[in-house]
Amino acid sequence: MQSVKASNVQFPLLLRVKLETNVLKKVITRRIFTSRQLLEIKTIQSPNFGKADETYFDFKELEWNGSYQQRVQHFMALMCEIFKLSEQEAEHIVEYYPFLWKESFHKTFAYLKSKGLEKETFMQYPWLVSISPEEINSKIDIISKTFNDLQNVNACACLLKFPNVKIEKLVSNWKMEAMECEHPSKFHFLAHALKVPIAEIMNQLETKSFLVSMSYLRIQEGVNICLEAGVEKEDLLNDLWVLRNRPVKLRNRIETLQQSKIPVKPWVLRARIESFKTHIQEYWKERKEIELDHNLSSYLVTRLKCDPSVVARMMKVFPNLQRATIRKVKPNMDFLLIDKCVDPSLIIMTPRLLCIKLDTLKDRLEQLEKNNIQYASLWMIVRCQRHFDDYIKRWEPKRN
């Protein structure tokens, strides 16, 4: 009886422990989803972006208790409603930042909207929503105390990823190194020199972090060297990597390019020495070819050993030759005169030979030779494929 009683007592207790354990497992188990799994959300249910209004934001705590699909859908809805993202743009952010939906702060969306964060800035720095409004505000306060014109969140967004201590140290150093300079900081100098808003310069720091630590004087010297050499402001803005090169190297390369009468481009100044030398050689090779292209008539006169009037007649018979270039006709000319020793008169009679594809020219001449077809003209080579095949067939009975 005691054993039965004991079993009656133990059975409900074990069952209750088992049930509680299963519930606890469900509560504490957390699934980590990859970007691939997040993208599958679209196939489950398309997010209703229209629900992301102000009332819904105030009631936002509810969705943190929902499933991961609901939470990601709501995260995408917030991005689309607040920052006017398309569904594809929102999906791209979810794919590139697969855990941002669970790290973001609800109230940060509304805060950034009130601060005037633009869509382009948010697309570049979507991680801003993972910082609390209080923390963002404290960071902006530190920046604005030193540089008042950088308190706009679109201008200082790139700096908000740093801790407050580092931000304070950075802005202090930037101000100190510019004490004897004309502009408040090296970034203000860049904006003035390149004629762009300060926000456009600050956004360069995301990909060109070397600008954060490079000194004001080094940047100023590099920019002045490039601009004085004739580098376009837009080209320099799009390739600030050139500023990593020492001023001595920049001056030496600019001097070499100017002596060779070659336009100065930022990518040429920072290229490896082998690429730099190759660029100079190819530039002059192309330059000579271009100069020759402007004198096609003289080229034809020389190669075909004929009078200019003959070349003029060729261009009248085949007007497309007037629009051709030496680079276009030279391969065909070399093949006919050098490889096949064709008489120049045959080219003069059929100027179209110089403008057809070289592979077609080679193939058809080989067919004529293979079939032992003697020719006093090459008119059949420039005809369509059907007419050329008919010409070859007409010669078969004669050979038999």
Protein backbone atom coordinates (compact mmCIF):
# COMPACT_ATOMS: atom_id res chain seq x y z
CA MET A 1 0.00 0.00 0.00
CA GLN A 2 2.82 2.30 0.77
CA SER A 3 4.41 1.71 -2.62
CA VAL A 4 1.12 2.39 -4.34
CA LYS A 5 0.70 5.52 -2.32
CA ALA A 6 4.22 6.58 -3.11
CA SER A 7 3.63 5.98 -6.78
CA ASN A 8 0.42 7.99 -6.62
CA VAL A 9 2.37 10.87 -5.12
CA GLN A 10 5.33 10.68 -7.47
CA PHE A 11 3.42 10.40 -10.74
CA PRO A 12 1.75 13.82 -10.79
CA LEU A 13 4.95 15.38 -9.43
CA LEU A 14 7.09 13.97 -12.28
CA LEU A 15 4.50 14.94 -14.84
CA ARG A 16 4.37 18.48 -13.49
CA VAL A 17 8.19 18.76 -13.51
CA LYS A 18 8.31 17.47 -17.07
CA LEU A 19 5.70 19.96 -18.25
CA GLU A 20 7.39 22.85 -16.48
CA THR A 21 10.74 21.85 -17.97
CA ASN A 22 9.29 21.84 -21.50
CA VAL A 23 7.76 25.26 -20.95
CA LEU A 24 11.06 26.57 -19.59
CA LYS A 25 12.93 25.22 -22.61
CA LYS A 26 10.53 27.03 -24.91
CA VAL A 27 11.04 30.25 -23.01
CA ILE A 28 14.83 30.22 -22.88
CA THR A 29 15.52 28.69 -26.28
CA ARG A 30 16.59 31.39 -28.76
CA ARG A 31 17.00 30.70 -32.44
CA ILE A 32 19.70 32.50 -34.38
CA PHE A 33 18.67 33.15 -37.95
CA THR A 34 21.03 33.66 -40.85
CA SER A 35 20.45 36.25 -43.54
CA ARG A 36 19.19 33.47 -45.82
CA GLN A 37 16.49 32.53 -43.33
CA LEU A 38 15.52 36.16 -42.87
CA LEU A 39 14.99 36.56 -46.58
CA GLU A 40 12.51 33.67 -46.47
CA ILE A 41 10.18 35.92 -44.51
CA LYS A 42 8.95 37.39 -47.78
CA THR A 43 7.61 34.00 -48.86
CA ILE A 44 5.72 33.60 -45.58
CA GLN A 45 3.85 36.86 -45.60
CA SER A 46 4.47 40.26 -47.18
CA PRO A 47 4.79 42.95 -44.46
CA ASN A 48 1.95 45.39 -44.12
CA PHE A 49 3.89 48.64 -44.29
CA GLY A 50 0.81 50.78 -43.79
CA LYS A 51 0.53 49.85 -40.10
CA ALA A 52 3.70 51.70 -39.16
CA ASP A 53 2.03 54.95 -38.12
CA GLU A 54 2.65 57.04 -35.03
CA THR A 55 -0.04 55.24 -33.00
CA TYR A 56 1.53 51.93 -33.83
CA PHE A 57 4.95 53.21 -32.70
CA ASP A 58 3.57 54.11 -29.26
CA PHE A 59 2.17 50.60 -28.99
CA LYS A 60 5.42 49.12 -30.20
CA GLU A 61 6.38 47.10 -27.13
CA LEU A 62 3.81 44.53 -28.15
CA GLU A 63 5.74 43.28 -31.17
CA TRP A 64 8.85 42.44 -29.14
CA ASN A 65 6.80 39.64 -27.61
CA GLY A 66 5.76 38.22 -30.99
CA SER A 67 7.44 35.70 -33.27
CA TYR A 68 10.60 36.55 -35.13
CA GLN A 69 8.60 36.87 -38.38
CA GLN A 70 6.36 39.49 -36.82
CA ARG A 71 9.31 41.35 -35.35
CA VAL A 72 11.24 41.46 -38.62
CA GLN A 73 8.12 42.49 -40.52
CA HIS A 74 7.52 45.29 -38.06
CA PHE A 75 11.20 46.34 -38.30
CA MET A 76 10.91 46.52 -42.08
CA ALA A 77 7.63 48.41 -41.78
CA LEU A 78 9.28 50.99 -39.55
CA MET A 79 12.12 51.54 -42.02
CA CYS A 80 9.74 51.89 -44.94
CA GLU A 81 7.37 54.24 -43.14
CA ILE A 82 9.91 56.45 -41.38
CA PHE A 83 12.66 56.66 -43.99
CA LYS A 84 10.58 55.95 -47.13
CA LEU A 85 12.51 52.82 -48.09
CA SER A 86 11.19 50.47 -50.73
CA GLU A 87 10.50 46.86 -49.81
CA GLN A 88 13.63 45.78 -51.70
CA GLU A 89 15.79 48.31 -49.85
CA ALA A 90 14.42 47.16 -46.51
CA GLU A 91 15.13 43.53 -47.39
CA HIS A 92 18.67 44.46 -48.38
CA ILE A 93 19.29 45.99 -44.94
CA VAL A 94 17.83 42.93 -43.20
CA GLU A 95 20.07 40.70 -45.30
CA TYR A 96 23.23 42.77 -44.72
CA TYR A 97 22.51 43.34 -41.00
CA PRO A 98 20.77 40.08 -40.04
CA PHE A 99 20.53 40.87 -36.30
CA LEU A 100 19.71 44.56 -36.48
CA TRP A 101 16.00 43.87 -36.11
CA LYS A 102 16.55 42.52 -32.59
CA GLU A 103 19.18 45.12 -31.61
CA SER A 104 17.24 48.20 -32.70
CA PHE A 105 15.44 50.60 -30.36
CA HIS A 106 11.84 51.42 -31.08
CA LYS A 107 12.09 54.99 -29.90
CA THR A 108 15.26 55.59 -31.92
CA PHE A 109 13.25 55.53 -35.15
CA ALA A 110 11.06 58.41 -34.01
CA TYR A 111 14.06 60.22 -32.53
CA LEU A 112 16.08 60.04 -35.75
CA LYS A 113 13.05 61.19 -37.70
CA SER A 114 12.71 64.22 -35.43
CA LYS A 115 16.42 64.93 -35.95
CA GLY A 116 15.91 65.04 -39.72
CA LEU A 117 17.88 61.91 -40.66
CA GLU A 118 17.64 61.54 -44.44
CA LYS A 119 17.01 58.33 -46.33
CA GLU A 120 20.46 58.32 -47.94
CA THR A 121 22.13 58.70 -44.56
CA PHE A 122 20.06 55.92 -43.04
CA MET A 123 20.88 53.60 -45.96
CA GLN A 124 24.58 54.23 -45.33
CA TYR A 125 24.36 53.92 -41.53
CA PRO A 126 21.35 51.70 -40.67
CA TRP A 127 23.08 50.62 -37.46
CA LEU A 128 22.09 54.01 -35.99
CA VAL A 129 18.78 52.47 -34.85
CA SER A 130 20.75 50.14 -32.55
CA ILE A 131 21.82 53.14 -30.44
CA SER A 132 19.45 54.57 -27.86
CA PRO A 133 18.23 58.17 -28.33
CA GLU A 134 19.91 59.21 -25.08
CA GLU A 135 23.28 57.87 -26.25
CA ILE A 136 22.96 59.49 -29.68
CA ASN A 137 22.06 62.78 -28.08
CA SER A 138 25.07 62.66 -25.76
CA LYS A 139 27.40 61.96 -28.69
CA ILE A 140 25.97 64.84 -30.73
CA ASP A 141 26.37 67.15 -27.74
CA ILE A 142 30.07 66.31 -27.52
CA ILE A 143 30.56 67.01 -31.24
CA SER A 144 28.52 70.22 -31.29
CA LYS A 145 30.47 71.75 -28.40
CA THR A 146 33.57 71.78 -30.62
CA PHE A 147 32.04 72.01 -34.10
CA ASN A 148 28.59 73.53 -34.01
CA ASP A 149 27.99 72.94 -37.74
CA LEU A 150 28.41 69.17 -37.25
CA GLN A 151 25.47 68.76 -34.87
CA ASN A 152 23.30 67.82 -37.87
CA VAL A 153 22.89 64.06 -37.60
CA ASN A 154 23.39 63.68 -41.36
CA ALA A 155 26.84 65.27 -41.04
CA CYS A 156 28.09 63.48 -37.93
CA ALA A 157 26.44 60.06 -38.38
CA CYS A 158 29.74 58.36 -39.21
CA LEU A 159 31.17 59.39 -35.81
CA LEU A 160 28.31 57.97 -33.74
CA LYS A 161 29.74 54.45 -33.89
CA PHE A 162 32.61 55.53 -31.61
CA PRO A 163 32.39 55.62 -27.80
CA ASN A 164 31.89 59.02 -26.20
CA VAL A 165 35.46 59.10 -24.90
CA LYS A 166 36.94 58.54 -28.34
CA ILE A 167 34.63 61.09 -29.97
CA GLU A 168 35.70 63.68 -27.42
CA LYS A 169 39.36 62.88 -28.08
CA LEU A 170 38.96 63.02 -31.87
CA VAL A 171 37.18 66.36 -32.04
CA SER A 172 39.64 67.82 -29.54
CA ASN A 173 42.62 66.72 -31.66
CA TRP A 174 41.01 68.02 -34.87
CA LYS A 175 40.45 71.40 -33.29
CA MET A 176 43.94 71.57 -31.81
CA GLU A 177 45.77 70.75 -35.08
CA ALA A 178 43.76 73.46 -36.88
CA MET A 179 44.49 76.25 -34.40
CA GLU A 180 46.97 77.97 -36.75
CA CYS A 181 45.05 77.13 -39.93
CA GLU A 182 42.36 78.99 -41.81
CA HIS A 183 39.55 76.46 -41.33
CA PRO A 184 38.14 74.92 -38.11
CA SER A 185 39.28 71.39 -39.08
CA LYS A 186 40.80 69.38 -41.91
CA PHE A 187 37.31 68.30 -42.97
CA HIS A 188 36.17 71.91 -43.27
CA PHE A 189 39.25 72.55 -45.40
CA LEU A 190 38.38 69.63 -47.70
CA ALA A 191 34.80 70.84 -48.04
CA HIS A 192 36.01 74.34 -48.93
CA ALA A 193 38.73 73.16 -51.35
CA LEU A 194 36.48 70.69 -53.19
CA LYS A 195 33.37 72.90 -53.07
CA VAL A 196 31.06 70.38 -51.42
CA PRO A 197 28.98 70.34 -48.20
CA ILE A 198 30.78 69.27 -45.02
CA ALA A 199 28.39 66.30 -44.71
CA GLU A 200 29.68 64.87 -47.99
CA ILE A 201 33.24 64.98 -46.64
CA MET A 202 32.29 63.40 -43.31
CA ASN A 203 30.53 60.54 -45.11
CA GLN A 204 33.85 59.69 -46.74
CA LEU A 205 35.17 58.58 -43.35
CA GLU A 206 33.10 55.40 -43.48
CA THR A 207 35.25 53.97 -46.30
CA LYS A 208 38.39 56.12 -45.95
CA SER A 209 39.16 55.83 -42.26
CA PHE A 210 42.74 57.05 -42.79
CA LEU A 211 41.34 60.59 -42.94
CA VAL A 212 40.42 60.34 -39.25
CA SER A 213 44.06 60.19 -38.14
CA MET A 214 45.88 61.91 -41.02
CA SER A 215 47.07 65.38 -40.04
CA TYR A 216 45.54 68.62 -41.30
CA LEU A 217 48.82 69.79 -42.88
CA ARG A 218 49.38 66.50 -44.72
CA ILE A 219 45.87 66.59 -46.19
CA GLN A 220 46.19 70.26 -47.08
CA GLU A 221 49.51 69.73 -48.86
CA GLY A 222 48.25 66.74 -50.84
CA VAL A 223 45.06 68.49 -51.93
CA ASN A 224 46.92 71.64 -52.99
CA ILE A 225 49.47 69.64 -54.99
CA CYS A 226 46.72 67.82 -56.89
CA LEU A 227 44.59 70.89 -57.58
CA GLU A 228 47.58 72.95 -58.73
CA ALA A 229 48.46 70.12 -61.15
CA GLY A 230 45.05 70.43 -62.80
CA VAL A 231 43.22 67.54 -61.13
CA GLU A 232 39.46 68.07 -61.29
CA LYS A 233 37.79 68.62 -57.91
CA GLU A 234 35.21 65.92 -58.64
CA ASP A 235 37.92 63.40 -59.55
CA LEU A 236 39.79 64.14 -56.34
CA LEU A 237 36.64 63.83 -54.23
CA ASN A 238 35.90 60.43 -55.77
CA ASP A 239 39.45 59.22 -55.18
CA LEU A 240 40.70 60.64 -51.89
CA TRP A 241 42.88 57.54 -51.59
CA VAL A 242 45.52 59.51 -53.48
CA LEU A 243 46.13 61.56 -50.32
CA ARG A 244 47.74 58.53 -48.69
CA ASN A 245 50.76 59.00 -50.97
CA ARG A 246 53.65 61.10 -49.74
CA PRO A 247 53.80 64.64 -51.19
CA VAL A 248 57.26 63.89 -52.68
CA LYS A 249 55.85 60.97 -54.65
CA LEU A 250 52.93 63.06 -55.88
CA ARG A 251 55.22 65.85 -57.09
CA ASN A 252 57.56 63.43 -58.88
CA ARG A 253 54.74 61.70 -60.72
CA ILE A 254 53.05 64.95 -61.62
CA GLU A 255 56.33 66.23 -63.05
CA THR A 256 56.72 63.06 -65.16
CA LEU A 257 53.14 63.29 -66.46
CA GLN A 258 53.44 66.97 -67.30
CA GLN A 259 56.72 66.42 -69.16
CA SER A 260 54.97 63.71 -71.19
CA LYS A 261 51.95 66.01 -71.68
CA ILE A 262 49.62 63.48 -70.09
CA PRO A 263 46.56 64.62 -68.07
CA VAL A 264 46.95 64.15 -64.32
CA LYS A 265 44.43 61.76 -62.75
CA PRO A 266 44.32 60.67 -59.08
CA TRP A 267 44.39 56.96 -59.90
CA VAL A 268 47.54 57.45 -61.99
CA LEU A 269 49.26 59.26 -59.12
CA ARG A 270 48.60 56.43 -56.68
CA ALA A 271 49.13 53.51 -59.08
CA ARG A 272 52.02 51.07 -58.70
CA ILE A 273 55.17 51.96 -60.57
CA GLU A 274 54.60 49.22 -63.18
CA SER A 275 51.06 50.44 -63.87
CA PHE A 276 52.29 54.03 -63.95
CA LYS A 277 54.89 53.27 -66.64
CA THR A 278 52.43 51.15 -68.64
CA HIS A 279 49.88 53.98 -68.59
CA ILE A 280 52.41 56.41 -70.10
CA GLN A 281 53.34 53.94 -72.86
CA GLU A 282 49.74 53.08 -73.71
CA TYR A 283 48.71 56.73 -73.66
CA TRP A 284 51.25 57.67 -76.31
CA LYS A 285 50.53 54.60 -78.38
CA GLU A 286 46.84 55.47 -78.42
CA ARG A 287 47.64 59.11 -79.08
CA LYS A 288 49.65 58.21 -82.20
CA GLU A 289 46.86 55.95 -83.44
CA ILE A 290 44.31 58.71 -82.93
CA GLU A 291 46.49 61.15 -84.85
CA LEU A 292 46.76 58.62 -87.67
CA ASP A 293 43.01 58.10 -87.66
CA HIS A 294 42.60 61.75 -88.61
CA ASN A 295 44.71 61.11 -91.71
CA LEU A 296 43.25 57.88 -93.09
CA SER A 297 43.55 59.05 -96.69
CA SER A 298 47.32 59.50 -96.40
CA TYR A 299 47.58 56.07 -94.79
CA LEU A 300 45.72 54.41 -97.67
CA VAL A 301 47.80 56.28 -100.23
CA THR A 302 50.99 55.01 -98.59
CA ARG A 303 49.92 51.38 -98.12
CA LEU A 304 48.24 50.95 -101.51
CA LYS A 305 50.88 53.00 -103.38
CA CYS A 306 48.31 55.00 -105.28
CA ASP A 307 47.30 58.60 -105.93
CA PRO A 308 45.04 60.53 -103.52
CA SER A 309 42.43 60.70 -106.29
CA VAL A 310 42.24 56.90 -106.26
CA VAL A 311 41.58 56.90 -102.49
CA ALA A 312 38.93 59.58 -102.95
CA ARG A 313 37.22 57.36 -105.54
CA MET A 314 37.37 54.38 -103.12
CA MET A 315 35.60 56.41 -100.46
CA LYS A 316 32.99 57.54 -102.96
CA VAL A 317 32.29 53.95 -104.02
CA PHE A 318 32.17 52.77 -100.41
CA PRO A 319 31.19 55.76 -98.17
CA ASN A 320 31.58 53.74 -94.93
CA LEU A 321 35.33 53.86 -95.50
CA GLN A 322 35.22 57.59 -94.73
CA ARG A 323 34.03 56.80 -91.20
CA ALA A 324 36.58 54.04 -90.65
CA THR A 325 39.78 54.47 -88.65
CA ILE A 326 43.31 53.25 -89.20
CA ARG A 327 42.93 50.94 -86.22
CA LYS A 328 39.94 49.40 -87.97
CA VAL A 329 41.44 48.87 -91.44
CA LYS A 330 45.05 48.08 -90.46
CA PRO A 331 44.52 44.39 -89.47
CA ASN A 332 42.76 43.62 -92.77
CA MET A 333 45.34 45.60 -94.73
CA ASP A 334 48.23 43.73 -93.10
CA PHE A 335 46.59 40.35 -93.71
CA LEU A 336 45.94 41.03 -97.39
CA LEU A 337 49.22 42.73 -98.30
CA ILE A 338 51.66 40.92 -96.00
CA ASP A 339 50.20 37.49 -95.22
CA LYS A 340 48.47 36.80 -98.54
CA CYS A 341 50.52 39.11 -100.82
CA VAL A 342 47.34 40.33 -102.50
CA ASP A 343 47.88 42.91 -105.22
CA PRO A 344 46.87 46.41 -103.98
CA SER A 345 44.73 46.86 -107.10
CA LEU A 346 42.33 44.18 -105.82
CA ILE A 347 41.80 46.17 -102.63
CA ILE A 348 41.29 49.35 -104.63
CA MET A 349 38.60 47.64 -106.73
CA THR A 350 36.82 46.32 -103.59
CA PRO A 351 37.40 48.79 -100.72
CA ARG A 352 34.79 47.00 -98.60
CA LEU A 353 37.50 44.40 -97.91
CA LEU A 354 39.06 46.76 -95.41
CA CYS A 355 35.93 46.97 -93.26
CA ILE A 356 34.63 43.41 -92.98
CA LYS A 357 35.53 41.23 -90.00
CA LEU A 358 39.05 39.87 -90.13
CA ASP A 359 37.87 36.34 -89.27
CA THR A 360 35.43 36.40 -92.19
CA LEU A 361 38.14 37.64 -94.52
CA LYS A 362 40.54 34.89 -93.47
CA ASP A 363 37.94 32.14 -93.67
CA ARG A 364 36.74 33.05 -97.16
CA LEU A 365 40.20 33.44 -98.63
CA GLU A 366 41.12 30.04 -97.21
CA GLN A 367 38.05 28.52 -98.85
CA LEU A 368 39.07 29.96 -102.20
CA GLU A 369 42.55 28.52 -101.83
CA LYS A 370 41.25 25.17 -100.57
CA ASN A 371 39.04 24.82 -103.65
CA ASN A 372 41.82 26.01 -105.98
CA ILE A 373 39.67 28.88 -107.19
CA GLN A 374 41.62 31.45 -109.16
CA TYR A 375 40.40 34.98 -108.77
CA ALA A 376 41.00 38.21 -110.62
CA SER A 377 38.79 40.09 -108.16
CA LEU A 378 37.74 39.69 -104.53
CA TRP A 379 34.18 40.97 -104.88
CA MET A 380 32.72 37.59 -103.77
CA ILE A 381 34.38 37.86 -100.35
CA VAL A 382 32.33 40.89 -99.31
CA ARG A 383 28.98 39.38 -100.34
CA CYS A 384 26.56 37.74 -97.91
CA GLN A 385 27.17 34.17 -96.81
CA ARG A 386 24.52 32.69 -99.12
CA HIS A 387 25.94 34.39 -102.20
CA PHE A 388 29.47 33.34 -101.27
CA ASP A 389 28.39 29.71 -100.81
CA ASP A 390 26.63 29.80 -104.22
CA TYR A 391 29.83 31.13 -105.78
CA ILE A 392 31.83 28.23 -104.33
CA LYS A 393 29.26 25.69 -105.59
CA ARG A 394 29.35 27.12 -109.11
CA TRP A 395 33.03 26.29 -109.28
CA GLU A 396 32.59 22.62 -108.34
CA PRO A 397 31.39 21.45 -111.82
CA LYS A 398 34.27 23.31 -113.45
CA ARG A 399 36.81 21.52 -111.26
CA ASN A 400 35.25 18.16 -112.13
